[in-house]
Amino acid sequence: MKTRFVLKAGLARLKHIFGKNTPLRVLHRVTSRCNLRCSFCDHELHESKGKELSTEEIKECMNQFARLGAIAWGITGGEPFLRKDISQIIRHSKQLGFLTNIITNGTLATESQIAEVSSSLDYLVTSLEGPKEITDKIRGQGVFDKVVHTIEVARRNNLPVIAAVLLTRDFIEAKGLEFMGRFSKEMGIRCSFQNLLLAGPYGGRGFKEEKPKIVPHNPDKQTLFEALDRILYMRSLGYPFVNNKPWVDYVKAFMNKTLKPPKCFAGKLYCNFFEDGSLRTCQYHPLRIKKETIGESFRSLPGQFSDCPCLAICYINYNLAYSFNFSMIMDGFKNTLGYRD
């Protein structure tokens, strides 16, 4: 099954050379609603006032994506477990043969929900800001314990977990890397770090304006670079960190204003699907497209802006891999081996 994903991705990349685009990976925001109010997040600016698609409407859209060649489905929010039908959406994704994951803040999923969907998920991503005092300070009192419980339940159900951690100043100063190294090993999970500049969410053109909620959390450049080097060193010692050298080199070049961005495949080999049925080239592109069919919407997506370098780890990884960066391709393949069959 894993070989099938690799072969399909390779074939789609070859077709792209000849002008044929395929939405291999879809990031589906099932809702913009969220139960948390994290201190760095301008959630109120991004919460949709439009109508969310029904369960059956979502399933039909997923069917259309499958016919277009999609192979991977990422579910996100807001907080996806606020939707009462989230289990149905997850199961339908797996029934379509998609590599399926969900991104959650880890505070709402019940033990029975996790047990119910664990066999339909290839992995679960949950947010964590490091030690208890830092996580609760940023995300709210009691959040750390809830997230840890979610991870424990997921692992008991043999569901692979990735902890998504922001490189905040408090996290770095509290020796959060060392904490997450120990925590990840003890819990049997992997850990992925994200540059704080993207939190909120922000990316691409969003870097042109300072975000008042983010500025207090940002480390200075030297501190950030030392943390990036520390991530690579700890990874070399066997700590289960997802971030690799191509990603670190990219972030440093971005911060040093020496970055030559690789070609962006957003809207060409992956895209974002929103709760109202619209599509975006990526999470950070301002234009939403909604036409009669998913195929029409996908073919109408605009490409990247010429001045839109991105720091989102997922987009960096995709773009480098599709640009034939050997290290990123091999890393992606190794990560895939960590998903269940």
Protein backbone atom coordinates (compact mmCIF):
# COMPACT_ATOMS: atom_id res chain seq x y z
CA MET A 1 0.00 0.00 0.00
CA LYS A 2 2.82 2.39 0.84
CA THR A 3 4.47 1.57 -2.50
CA ARG A 4 1.23 2.53 -4.23
CA PHE A 5 1.37 6.03 -2.70
CA VAL A 6 4.97 6.53 -3.80
CA LEU A 7 4.29 5.33 -7.35
CA LYS A 8 1.19 7.51 -7.72
CA ALA A 9 3.04 10.56 -6.47
CA GLY A 10 5.90 9.92 -8.89
CA LEU A 11 3.52 9.47 -11.81
CA ALA A 12 1.63 12.66 -10.95
CA ARG A 13 4.91 14.59 -10.82
CA LEU A 14 5.80 13.34 -14.31
CA LYS A 15 2.36 14.30 -15.61
CA HIS A 16 2.85 17.79 -14.19
CA ILE A 17 5.86 18.25 -16.46
CA PHE A 18 3.49 17.84 -19.39
CA GLY A 19 0.87 20.22 -17.97
CA LYS A 20 -1.40 17.74 -16.15
CA ASN A 21 -2.02 18.68 -12.49
CA THR A 22 -3.27 16.27 -9.81
CA PRO A 23 -4.48 17.16 -6.27
CA LEU A 24 -2.39 14.43 -4.66
CA ARG A 25 -2.78 15.78 -1.15
CA VAL A 26 -5.77 17.71 0.14
CA LEU A 27 -5.73 19.61 3.43
CA HIS A 28 -9.37 19.76 4.49
CA ARG A 29 -10.43 22.40 7.00
CA VAL A 30 -13.67 20.84 8.18
CA THR A 31 -14.48 23.81 10.44
CA SER A 32 -12.98 27.14 11.43
CA ARG A 33 -14.50 26.88 14.92
CA CYS A 34 -12.09 26.34 17.80
CA ASN A 35 -12.55 25.77 21.52
CA LEU A 36 -9.19 27.31 22.47
CA ARG A 37 -7.88 30.86 22.30
CA CYS A 38 -4.11 30.46 22.15
CA SER A 39 -2.19 33.62 22.99
CA PHE A 40 -0.42 33.87 19.61
CA CYS A 41 -3.44 33.13 17.43
CA ASP A 42 -5.62 35.73 15.69
CA HIS A 43 -8.35 33.13 15.37
CA GLU A 44 -11.13 35.68 15.25
CA LEU A 45 -9.74 37.00 11.95
CA HIS A 46 -9.98 33.60 10.30
CA GLU A 47 -13.21 32.16 11.67
CA SER A 48 -15.64 31.65 8.81
CA LYS A 49 -19.16 32.99 9.08
CA GLY A 50 -20.30 30.86 6.13
CA LYS A 51 -22.21 27.58 6.20
CA GLU A 52 -20.29 24.36 6.72
CA LEU A 53 -20.91 21.54 4.26
CA SER A 54 -23.07 18.66 5.46
CA THR A 55 -21.67 15.17 5.95
CA GLU A 56 -23.03 13.95 2.59
CA GLU A 57 -21.79 17.04 0.76
CA ILE A 58 -18.31 16.46 2.16
CA LYS A 59 -18.37 12.81 1.13
CA GLU A 60 -19.37 13.72 -2.42
CA CYS A 61 -16.52 16.24 -2.64
CA MET A 62 -14.10 13.60 -1.35
CA ASN A 63 -15.37 11.20 -4.01
CA GLN A 64 -14.66 13.81 -6.66
CA PHE A 65 -11.13 14.36 -5.34
CA ALA A 66 -10.57 10.60 -5.45
CA ARG A 67 -11.56 10.52 -9.11
CA LEU A 68 -9.07 13.34 -9.76
CA GLY A 69 -6.25 11.22 -8.32
CA ALA A 70 -5.98 12.31 -4.67
CA ILE A 71 -4.05 9.88 -2.46
CA ALA A 72 -3.73 11.72 0.88
CA TRP A 73 -6.31 13.53 3.03
CA GLY A 74 -5.38 15.76 5.94
CA ILE A 75 -8.17 16.90 8.28
CA THR A 76 -7.76 20.13 10.21
CA GLY A 77 -9.63 23.10 11.65
CA GLY A 78 -10.29 25.13 13.77
CA GLU A 79 -10.71 22.08 15.92
CA PRO A 80 -12.05 19.18 13.83
CA PHE A 81 -13.49 17.28 16.80
CA LEU A 82 -16.07 20.06 17.19
CA ARG A 83 -17.85 18.45 14.24
CA LYS A 84 -20.21 15.70 15.41
CA ASP A 85 -19.69 13.81 12.16
CA ILE A 86 -15.88 13.80 12.28
CA SER A 87 -15.74 10.02 12.69
CA GLN A 88 -17.81 9.56 9.51
CA ILE A 89 -15.50 11.88 7.57
CA ILE A 90 -12.41 10.00 8.77
CA ARG A 91 -13.89 6.61 7.92
CA HIS A 92 -14.94 7.77 4.45
CA SER A 93 -11.43 9.03 3.78
CA LYS A 94 -9.99 5.63 4.61
CA GLN A 95 -12.69 3.87 2.57
CA LEU A 96 -11.49 5.88 -0.44
CA GLY A 97 -7.99 4.57 0.15
CA PHE A 98 -6.50 7.90 1.21
CA LEU A 99 -3.49 8.18 3.48
CA THR A 100 -5.44 9.88 6.29
CA ASN A 101 -4.37 12.08 9.16
CA ILE A 102 -6.03 14.56 11.50
CA ILE A 103 -4.58 17.70 13.11
CA THR A 104 -6.16 18.45 16.49
CA ASN A 105 -5.42 20.52 19.59
CA GLY A 106 -5.87 17.30 21.57
CA THR A 107 -8.42 18.58 24.09
CA LEU A 108 -11.80 17.34 22.83
CA ALA A 109 -11.48 13.83 21.42
CA THR A 110 -12.92 11.25 23.82
CA GLU A 111 -11.42 7.84 24.45
CA SER A 112 -14.28 6.20 22.57
CA GLN A 113 -13.84 8.53 19.59
CA ILE A 114 -10.14 7.80 19.35
CA ALA A 115 -10.78 4.06 19.61
CA GLU A 116 -13.46 4.33 16.93
CA VAL A 117 -11.32 6.16 14.36
CA SER A 118 -7.86 4.78 15.16
CA SER A 119 -8.07 2.02 12.54
CA SER A 120 -9.05 4.59 9.88
CA LEU A 121 -6.24 7.05 10.64
CA ASP A 122 -2.65 6.61 9.51
CA TYR A 123 -1.49 9.10 12.12
CA LEU A 124 -2.70 11.85 14.43
CA VAL A 125 -1.04 15.26 14.84
CA THR A 126 -1.63 17.16 18.06
CA SER A 127 -0.33 20.53 19.21
CA LEU A 128 1.95 20.78 22.23
CA GLU A 129 4.11 23.71 23.34
CA GLY A 130 6.62 21.72 25.38
CA PRO A 131 6.56 21.46 29.19
CA LYS A 132 3.30 21.78 31.09
CA GLU A 133 3.92 25.34 32.29
CA ILE A 134 4.65 26.60 28.75
CA THR A 135 1.78 24.74 27.08
CA ASP A 136 -0.76 25.92 29.68
CA LYS A 137 0.57 29.48 29.55
CA ILE A 138 0.09 29.67 25.77
CA ARG A 139 -2.95 27.43 25.19
CA GLY A 140 -4.85 27.57 28.49
CA GLN A 141 -4.86 25.98 31.92
CA GLY A 142 -5.23 22.20 31.87
CA VAL A 143 -4.44 21.83 28.16
CA PHE A 144 -1.15 19.97 28.70
CA ASP A 145 -2.77 17.18 30.73
CA LYS A 146 -5.57 16.81 28.17
CA VAL A 147 -3.12 16.54 25.28
CA VAL A 148 -0.99 13.99 27.11
CA HIS A 149 -4.11 11.92 27.80
CA THR A 150 -5.08 12.08 24.10
CA ILE A 151 -1.60 10.87 23.13
CA GLU A 152 -1.74 8.03 25.65
CA VAL A 153 -5.13 6.88 24.38
CA ALA A 154 -3.97 7.07 20.77
CA ARG A 155 -0.87 5.00 21.49
CA ARG A 156 -2.92 2.42 23.39
CA ASN A 157 -4.94 2.08 20.20
CA ASN A 158 -1.74 1.68 18.15
CA LEU A 159 -2.30 5.02 16.42
CA PRO A 160 0.95 6.81 15.40
CA VAL A 161 1.21 10.35 16.81
CA ILE A 162 3.18 13.45 15.84
CA ALA A 163 3.46 16.29 18.35
CA ALA A 164 3.49 19.66 16.56
CA VAL A 165 5.54 22.20 18.50
CA LEU A 166 6.09 25.91 17.90
CA LEU A 167 9.59 27.29 18.48
CA THR A 168 8.55 30.05 20.85
CA ARG A 169 11.00 32.01 22.97
CA ASP A 170 9.54 30.52 26.18
CA PHE A 171 9.85 27.00 24.76
CA ILE A 172 13.51 27.43 23.82
CA GLU A 173 14.45 29.14 27.11
CA ALA A 174 12.74 26.36 29.10
CA LYS A 175 14.94 23.77 27.32
CA GLY A 176 11.88 22.58 25.48
CA LEU A 177 13.91 20.68 22.88
CA GLU A 178 15.39 18.46 25.55
CA PHE A 179 11.96 18.02 27.13
CA MET A 180 10.35 17.06 23.79
CA GLY A 181 13.21 14.68 23.02
CA ARG A 182 12.62 12.78 26.26
CA PHE A 183 8.84 13.06 26.02
CA SER A 184 8.73 11.77 22.43
CA LYS A 185 10.88 8.76 23.25
CA GLU A 186 8.91 7.93 26.39
CA MET A 187 5.55 8.22 24.63
CA GLY A 188 6.63 6.45 21.44
CA ILE A 189 5.73 9.39 19.17
CA ARG A 190 7.48 11.71 16.71
CA CYS A 191 7.91 15.45 17.04
CA SER A 192 7.69 18.18 14.39
CA PHE A 193 8.83 21.75 15.02
CA GLN A 194 7.45 24.83 13.27
CA ASN A 195 8.88 28.32 13.06
CA LEU A 196 6.60 30.63 15.06
CA LEU A 197 6.39 33.16 12.21
CA LEU A 198 3.66 31.00 10.72
CA ALA A 199 1.44 30.74 13.76
CA GLY A 200 -1.93 32.26 13.58
CA PRO A 201 -1.99 31.06 10.76
CA TYR A 202 0.40 33.18 8.71
CA GLY A 203 2.63 32.49 5.75
CA GLY A 204 3.89 33.78 2.45
CA ARG A 205 2.83 37.39 2.09
CA GLY A 206 1.81 37.45 5.76
CA PHE A 207 5.44 38.05 6.72
CA LYS A 208 5.29 41.59 5.34
CA GLU A 209 3.32 42.78 8.36
CA GLU A 210 4.15 42.20 11.98
CA LYS A 211 1.46 40.35 13.91
CA PRO A 212 1.06 41.85 17.40
CA LYS A 213 0.05 38.56 18.98
CA ILE A 214 3.14 36.79 17.63
CA VAL A 215 5.88 39.33 18.31
CA PRO A 216 6.09 38.69 22.11
CA HIS A 217 6.58 34.95 21.49
CA ASN A 218 9.27 35.16 18.80
CA PRO A 219 12.87 34.28 19.67
CA ASP A 220 15.63 36.44 18.20
CA LYS A 221 17.37 35.11 15.10
CA GLN A 222 20.48 33.84 16.88
CA THR A 223 18.40 31.95 19.45
CA LEU A 224 16.26 30.45 16.70
CA PHE A 225 19.31 29.36 14.67
CA GLU A 226 20.87 27.73 17.74
CA ALA A 227 17.60 25.84 18.30
CA LEU A 228 17.54 24.69 14.66
CA ASP A 229 21.10 23.37 14.96
CA ARG A 230 20.15 21.66 18.22
CA ILE A 231 17.22 19.93 16.50
CA LEU A 232 19.55 18.44 13.88
CA TYR A 233 22.07 17.38 16.52
CA MET A 234 19.43 15.66 18.65
CA ARG A 235 17.99 14.01 15.57
CA SER A 236 21.45 12.61 14.79
CA LEU A 237 21.46 11.10 18.30
CA GLY A 238 18.26 9.20 17.53
CA TYR A 239 15.59 11.49 18.90
CA PRO A 240 12.38 11.10 16.80
CA PHE A 241 12.34 14.59 15.27
CA VAL A 242 10.71 15.01 11.86
CA ASN A 243 12.59 18.17 10.84
CA ASN A 244 15.65 17.60 8.64
CA LYS A 245 18.62 19.54 7.24
CA PRO A 246 16.91 20.72 4.01
CA TRP A 247 14.17 22.30 6.15
CA VAL A 248 16.68 23.92 8.53
CA ASP A 249 18.75 25.27 5.62
CA TYR A 250 15.57 26.68 4.05
CA VAL A 251 14.48 28.47 7.24
CA LYS A 252 17.94 29.95 7.81
CA ALA A 253 18.15 31.20 4.23
CA PHE A 254 14.70 32.74 4.60
CA MET A 255 15.67 34.54 7.79
CA ASN A 256 18.96 35.71 6.24
CA LYS A 257 17.12 36.98 3.15
CA THR A 258 19.24 34.74 0.90
CA LEU A 259 16.50 32.24 0.06
CA LYS A 260 15.96 31.16 -3.52
CA PRO A 261 12.56 29.44 -3.13
CA PRO A 262 12.01 26.16 -4.95
CA LYS A 263 9.11 25.95 -7.35
CA CYS A 264 5.81 25.97 -5.48
CA PHE A 265 3.44 23.12 -6.35
CA ALA A 266 0.49 24.50 -4.37
CA GLY A 267 -2.60 24.40 -6.55
CA LYS A 268 -0.78 21.99 -8.86
CA LEU A 269 -0.05 18.86 -6.81
CA TYR A 270 -1.78 19.77 -3.54
CA CYS A 271 -4.43 22.21 -2.38
CA ASN A 272 -6.64 23.29 0.52
CA PHE A 273 -10.34 22.45 0.78
CA PHE A 274 -12.47 24.59 3.09
CA GLU A 275 -15.58 23.99 5.20
CA ASP A 276 -17.83 25.86 2.75
CA GLY A 277 -16.72 23.75 -0.23
CA SER A 278 -14.28 26.28 -1.65
CA LEU A 279 -10.67 25.58 -2.61
CA ARG A 280 -7.50 27.60 -2.12
CA THR A 281 -4.12 27.18 -3.71
CA CYS A 282 -2.71 26.91 -0.20
CA GLN A 283 -3.68 27.93 3.33
CA TYR A 284 -2.16 31.37 2.89
CA HIS A 285 -3.43 32.35 -0.55
CA PRO A 286 -6.25 34.91 -0.16
CA LEU A 287 -8.38 33.80 -3.13
CA ARG A 288 -11.02 31.10 -2.62
CA ILE A 289 -12.46 29.28 -5.65
CA LYS A 290 -15.84 27.54 -5.66
CA LYS A 291 -17.32 26.29 -8.91
CA GLU A 292 -19.85 23.64 -9.91
CA THR A 293 -17.48 20.70 -9.41
CA ILE A 294 -14.27 20.05 -7.50
CA GLY A 295 -12.47 19.47 -10.80
CA GLU A 296 -13.50 22.88 -12.13
CA SER A 297 -12.44 24.55 -8.89
CA PHE A 298 -9.06 22.80 -8.85
CA ARG A 299 -8.31 23.67 -12.47
CA SER A 300 -9.16 27.33 -11.72
CA LEU A 301 -6.71 27.70 -8.82
CA PRO A 302 -4.08 30.41 -9.34
CA GLY A 303 -0.40 29.65 -8.85
CA GLN A 304 1.89 31.07 -6.19
CA PHE A 305 2.74 34.74 -5.94
CA SER A 306 6.24 35.57 -7.18
CA ASP A 307 6.99 37.19 -3.80
CA CYS A 308 5.52 34.43 -1.61
CA PRO A 309 8.22 32.30 0.03
CA CYS A 310 6.74 30.04 2.69
CA LEU A 311 7.91 28.71 6.05
CA ALA A 312 5.21 26.07 6.66
CA ILE A 313 7.06 22.79 7.20
CA CYS A 314 4.52 20.76 5.20
CA TYR A 315 4.67 23.06 2.16
CA ILE A 316 8.47 23.27 2.30
CA ASN A 317 8.73 19.49 2.41
CA TYR A 318 6.32 19.01 -0.50
CA ASN A 319 7.98 21.63 -2.68
CA LEU A 320 11.50 20.37 -2.05
CA ALA A 321 10.49 16.75 -2.66
CA TYR A 322 8.65 17.59 -5.88
CA SER A 323 11.71 19.62 -6.91
CA PHE A 324 13.70 16.37 -6.70
CA ASN A 325 15.59 17.18 -3.49
CA PHE A 326 17.00 13.72 -2.77
CA SER A 327 17.31 14.16 1.00
CA MET A 328 13.70 15.31 1.29
CA ILE A 329 12.46 12.47 -0.92
CA MET A 330 14.25 9.87 1.20
CA ASP A 331 13.06 11.50 4.41
CA GLY A 332 9.49 11.49 3.15
CA PHE A 333 9.77 7.83 2.27
CA LYS A 334 11.14 6.99 5.74
CA ASN A 335 8.31 8.95 7.36
CA THR A 336 5.78 7.02 5.30
CA LEU A 337 7.23 3.80 6.70
CA GLY A 338 6.16 5.09 10.12
CA TYR A 339 2.50 5.04 9.09
CA ARG A 340 0.45 1.93 9.56
CA ASP A 341 -0.36 -0.35 6.61
